[in-house]
Amino acid sequence: MAAKISPYIFLFISLILFGLIQANISFGNFGPIVVIAMIVCPIIALVLGMKNSGKGKWFSIIISAVVFLTVSLLGIIGAGFLNEF
């Protein structure tokens, strides 16, 4: 049972961290760790989702990939704006 919901827990953690950053909550010295966790959590969810079976497997794989690509793309865009092309 826990193996089937664990990918969604990691996705939820990633989305909560993303929401906290969007709300301008400062993490101080832990900021880089939070950003890395936002990228690593969907990867872990993707790996755990591949171990599932049935329709939930494909749903968790697709959602994990979308979250990973979205967070990565927004990170790249944000880094670009910080460097002021």
N, C-alpha and C. Protein backbone atom coordinates (compact mmCIF):
# COMPACT_ATOMS: atom_id res chain seq x y z
N MET A 1 0.82 -1.20 0.00
CA MET A 1 0.00 0.00 0.00
C MET A 1 0.86 1.26 0.00
N ALA A 2 1.89 1.27 0.83
CA ALA A 2 2.74 2.47 0.91
C ALA A 2 3.54 2.68 -0.36
N ALA A 3 3.85 1.59 -1.06
CA ALA A 3 4.61 1.72 -2.30
C ALA A 3 3.78 2.39 -3.39
N LYS A 4 2.46 2.28 -3.32
CA LYS A 4 1.62 2.87 -4.35
C LYS A 4 1.42 4.37 -4.15
N ILE A 5 1.51 4.85 -2.93
CA ILE A 5 1.30 6.28 -2.69
C ILE A 5 2.60 7.05 -2.48
N SER A 6 3.71 6.36 -2.36
CA SER A 6 4.97 7.06 -2.10
C SER A 6 5.37 8.01 -3.23
N PRO A 7 5.13 7.69 -4.54
CA PRO A 7 5.46 8.69 -5.55
C PRO A 7 4.67 9.98 -5.38
N TYR A 8 3.43 9.85 -4.98
CA TYR A 8 2.59 11.03 -4.81
C TYR A 8 3.02 11.86 -3.61
N ILE A 9 3.55 11.22 -2.61
CA ILE A 9 4.07 11.94 -1.44
C ILE A 9 5.27 12.80 -1.85
N PHE A 10 6.17 12.24 -2.64
CA PHE A 10 7.32 13.01 -3.11
C PHE A 10 6.90 14.14 -4.03
N LEU A 11 5.91 13.91 -4.86
CA LEU A 11 5.40 14.99 -5.72
C LEU A 11 4.76 16.09 -4.88
N PHE A 12 4.03 15.70 -3.86
CA PHE A 12 3.40 16.67 -2.97
C PHE A 12 4.45 17.51 -2.26
N ILE A 13 5.52 16.88 -1.80
CA ILE A 13 6.61 17.61 -1.15
C ILE A 13 7.22 18.62 -2.11
N SER A 14 7.46 18.19 -3.34
CA SER A 14 8.05 19.08 -4.33
C SER A 14 7.14 20.26 -4.62
N LEU A 15 5.85 20.01 -4.76
CA LEU A 15 4.92 21.10 -5.04
C LEU A 15 4.76 22.05 -3.86
N ILE A 16 4.81 21.53 -2.65
CA ILE A 16 4.75 22.39 -1.46
C ILE A 16 5.97 23.30 -1.40
N LEU A 17 7.15 22.73 -1.64
CA LEU A 17 8.37 23.55 -1.64
C LEU A 17 8.32 24.61 -2.74
N PHE A 18 7.81 24.23 -3.91
CA PHE A 18 7.68 25.18 -4.99
C PHE A 18 6.71 26.30 -4.62
N GLY A 19 5.62 25.96 -3.98
CA GLY A 19 4.65 26.97 -3.54
C GLY A 19 5.22 27.90 -2.49
N LEU A 20 6.02 27.36 -1.58
CA LEU A 20 6.64 28.20 -0.56
C LEU A 20 7.63 29.18 -1.18
N ILE A 21 8.36 28.73 -2.18
CA ILE A 21 9.30 29.64 -2.85
C ILE A 21 8.53 30.71 -3.61
N GLN A 22 7.43 30.34 -4.26
CA GLN A 22 6.62 31.32 -4.99
C GLN A 22 5.97 32.33 -4.06
N ALA A 23 5.75 31.95 -2.81
CA ALA A 23 5.16 32.85 -1.82
C ALA A 23 6.21 33.74 -1.17
N ASN A 24 7.43 33.71 -1.69
CA ASN A 24 8.55 34.53 -1.20
C ASN A 24 8.93 34.22 0.24
N ILE A 25 8.80 32.98 0.63
CA ILE A 25 9.25 32.58 1.97
C ILE A 25 10.75 32.30 1.88
N SER A 26 11.51 32.94 2.74
CA SER A 26 12.95 32.80 2.71
C SER A 26 13.38 31.58 3.50
N PHE A 27 14.28 30.81 2.92
CA PHE A 27 14.82 29.65 3.61
C PHE A 27 16.23 29.90 4.13
N GLY A 28 16.71 31.11 3.96
CA GLY A 28 18.03 31.48 4.47
C GLY A 28 19.12 30.66 3.81
N ASN A 29 19.94 30.05 4.62
CA ASN A 29 21.06 29.25 4.11
C ASN A 29 20.60 27.94 3.50
N PHE A 30 19.35 27.53 3.75
CA PHE A 30 18.83 26.27 3.23
C PHE A 30 18.21 26.42 1.85
N GLY A 31 18.27 27.61 1.26
CA GLY A 31 17.67 27.86 -0.05
C GLY A 31 18.17 26.93 -1.14
N PRO A 32 19.48 26.76 -1.29
CA PRO A 32 19.96 25.84 -2.32
C PRO A 32 19.54 24.40 -2.08
N ILE A 33 19.47 24.00 -0.82
CA ILE A 33 19.04 22.64 -0.49
C ILE A 33 17.58 22.44 -0.87
N VAL A 34 16.75 23.45 -0.65
CA VAL A 34 15.34 23.37 -1.00
C VAL A 34 15.16 23.27 -2.51
N VAL A 35 15.95 24.03 -3.25
CA VAL A 35 15.85 23.98 -4.71
C VAL A 35 16.29 22.61 -5.23
N ILE A 36 17.34 22.07 -4.68
CA ILE A 36 17.78 20.74 -5.07
C ILE A 36 16.73 19.70 -4.71
N ALA A 37 16.10 19.84 -3.54
CA ALA A 37 15.04 18.91 -3.15
C ALA A 37 13.84 19.00 -4.09
N MET A 38 13.55 20.20 -4.58
CA MET A 38 12.45 20.36 -5.53
C MET A 38 12.72 19.62 -6.83
N ILE A 39 13.97 19.47 -7.20
CA ILE A 39 14.31 18.77 -8.43
C ILE A 39 14.46 17.27 -8.18
N VAL A 40 14.99 16.89 -7.03
CA VAL A 40 15.24 15.48 -6.74
C VAL A 40 13.95 14.73 -6.40
N CYS A 41 13.01 15.38 -5.72
CA CYS A 41 11.77 14.70 -5.33
C CYS A 41 10.97 14.16 -6.52
N PRO A 42 10.79 14.91 -7.61
CA PRO A 42 10.10 14.31 -8.76
C PRO A 42 10.88 13.17 -9.41
N ILE A 43 12.21 13.22 -9.35
CA ILE A 43 13.01 12.12 -9.90
C ILE A 43 12.78 10.86 -9.06
N ILE A 44 12.77 11.02 -7.75
CA ILE A 44 12.50 9.88 -6.87
C ILE A 44 11.09 9.36 -7.11
N ALA A 45 10.13 10.27 -7.29
CA ALA A 45 8.75 9.86 -7.57
C ALA A 45 8.67 9.11 -8.89
N LEU A 46 9.45 9.53 -9.88
CA LEU A 46 9.46 8.85 -11.18
C LEU A 46 9.99 7.43 -11.03
N VAL A 47 11.07 7.26 -10.29
CA VAL A 47 11.65 5.93 -10.08
C VAL A 47 10.68 5.03 -9.31
N LEU A 48 10.08 5.58 -8.26
CA LEU A 48 9.12 4.79 -7.48
C LEU A 48 7.86 4.50 -8.29
N GLY A 49 7.46 5.42 -9.16
CA GLY A 49 6.29 5.20 -9.99
C GLY A 49 6.50 4.09 -10.99
N MET A 50 7.73 3.91 -11.45
CA MET A 50 8.02 2.83 -12.40
C MET A 50 7.88 1.46 -11.76
N LYS A 51 8.01 1.41 -10.44
CA LYS A 51 7.89 0.14 -9.74
C LYS A 51 6.43 -0.25 -9.49
N ASN A 52 5.52 0.69 -9.62
CA ASN A 52 4.09 0.41 -9.43
C ASN A 52 3.55 -0.37 -10.62
N SER A 53 2.29 -0.77 -10.49
CA SER A 53 1.66 -1.48 -11.60
C SER A 53 0.27 -0.89 -11.84
N GLY A 54 -0.25 -1.16 -13.03
CA GLY A 54 -1.59 -0.70 -13.37
C GLY A 54 -1.63 0.72 -13.89
N LYS A 55 -2.82 1.31 -13.83
CA LYS A 55 -3.00 2.68 -14.34
C LYS A 55 -2.28 3.70 -13.49
N GLY A 56 -2.15 3.43 -12.21
CA GLY A 56 -1.45 4.36 -11.32
C GLY A 56 0.01 4.53 -11.69
N LYS A 57 0.59 3.48 -12.29
CA LYS A 57 1.99 3.56 -12.71
C LYS A 57 2.16 4.64 -13.76
N TRP A 58 1.35 4.62 -14.79
CA TRP A 58 1.50 5.58 -15.87
C TRP A 58 1.11 6.98 -15.44
N PHE A 59 0.11 7.07 -14.58
CA PHE A 59 -0.29 8.39 -14.08
C PHE A 59 0.84 9.02 -13.28
N SER A 60 1.45 8.25 -12.39
CA SER A 60 2.53 8.81 -11.57
C SER A 60 3.77 9.11 -12.41
N ILE A 61 4.04 8.31 -13.45
CA ILE A 61 5.19 8.59 -14.32
C ILE A 61 4.97 9.89 -15.09
N ILE A 62 3.79 10.08 -15.65
CA ILE A 62 3.51 11.28 -16.43
C ILE A 62 3.52 12.52 -15.54
N ILE A 63 2.88 12.44 -14.38
CA ILE A 63 2.85 13.58 -13.47
C ILE A 63 4.25 13.91 -12.96
N SER A 64 5.05 12.90 -12.65
CA SER A 64 6.42 13.13 -12.19
C SER A 64 7.25 13.82 -13.26
N ALA A 65 7.11 13.37 -14.50
CA ALA A 65 7.87 13.97 -15.59
C ALA A 65 7.44 15.42 -15.81
N VAL A 66 6.15 15.69 -15.73
CA VAL A 66 5.65 17.05 -15.93
C VAL A 66 6.16 17.97 -14.81
N VAL A 67 6.11 17.50 -13.58
CA VAL A 67 6.59 18.32 -12.45
C VAL A 67 8.09 18.56 -12.58
N PHE A 68 8.84 17.53 -12.92
CA PHE A 68 10.29 17.69 -13.07
C PHE A 68 10.62 18.69 -14.17
N LEU A 69 9.99 18.56 -15.32
CA LEU A 69 10.27 19.47 -16.43
C LEU A 69 9.84 20.89 -16.12
N THR A 70 8.71 21.05 -15.44
CA THR A 70 8.22 22.39 -15.09
C THR A 70 9.16 23.07 -14.10
N VAL A 71 9.53 22.38 -13.05
CA VAL A 71 10.42 22.96 -12.04
C VAL A 71 11.78 23.27 -12.66
N SER A 72 12.29 22.37 -13.50
CA SER A 72 13.58 22.61 -14.14
C SER A 72 13.52 23.81 -15.09
N LEU A 73 12.48 23.88 -15.89
CA LEU A 73 12.34 24.99 -16.82
C LEU A 73 12.21 26.32 -16.09
N LEU A 74 11.41 26.36 -15.05
CA LEU A 74 11.27 27.60 -14.28
C LEU A 74 12.58 27.97 -13.59
N GLY A 75 13.33 26.98 -13.17
CA GLY A 75 14.64 27.26 -12.58
C GLY A 75 15.61 27.84 -13.58
N ILE A 76 15.59 27.31 -14.80
CA ILE A 76 16.47 27.84 -15.84
C ILE A 76 16.07 29.26 -16.20
N ILE A 77 14.78 29.51 -16.34
CA ILE A 77 14.31 30.86 -16.65
C ILE A 77 14.66 31.83 -15.53
N GLY A 78 14.46 31.39 -14.28
CA GLY A 78 14.79 32.24 -13.14
C GLY A 78 16.27 32.54 -13.07
N ALA A 79 17.10 31.56 -13.33
CA ALA A 79 18.55 31.78 -13.32
C ALA A 79 18.95 32.74 -14.44
N GLY A 80 18.27 32.64 -15.56
CA GLY A 80 18.55 33.55 -16.67
C GLY A 80 18.22 34.99 -16.32
N PHE A 81 17.10 35.18 -15.63
CA PHE A 81 16.72 36.53 -15.24
C PHE A 81 17.63 37.08 -14.15
N LEU A 82 18.13 36.20 -13.29
CA LEU A 82 19.05 36.66 -12.26
C LEU A 82 20.38 37.13 -12.86
N ASN A 83 20.79 36.47 -13.93
CA ASN A 83 22.04 36.88 -14.59
C ASN A 83 21.81 38.01 -15.57
N GLU A 84 20.58 38.36 -15.82
CA GLU A 84 20.20 39.46 -16.71
C GLU A 84 20.91 39.37 -18.06
N PHE A 85 20.50 38.43 -18.82
CA PHE A 85 21.07 38.20 -20.14
C PHE A 85 21.56 39.45 -20.73
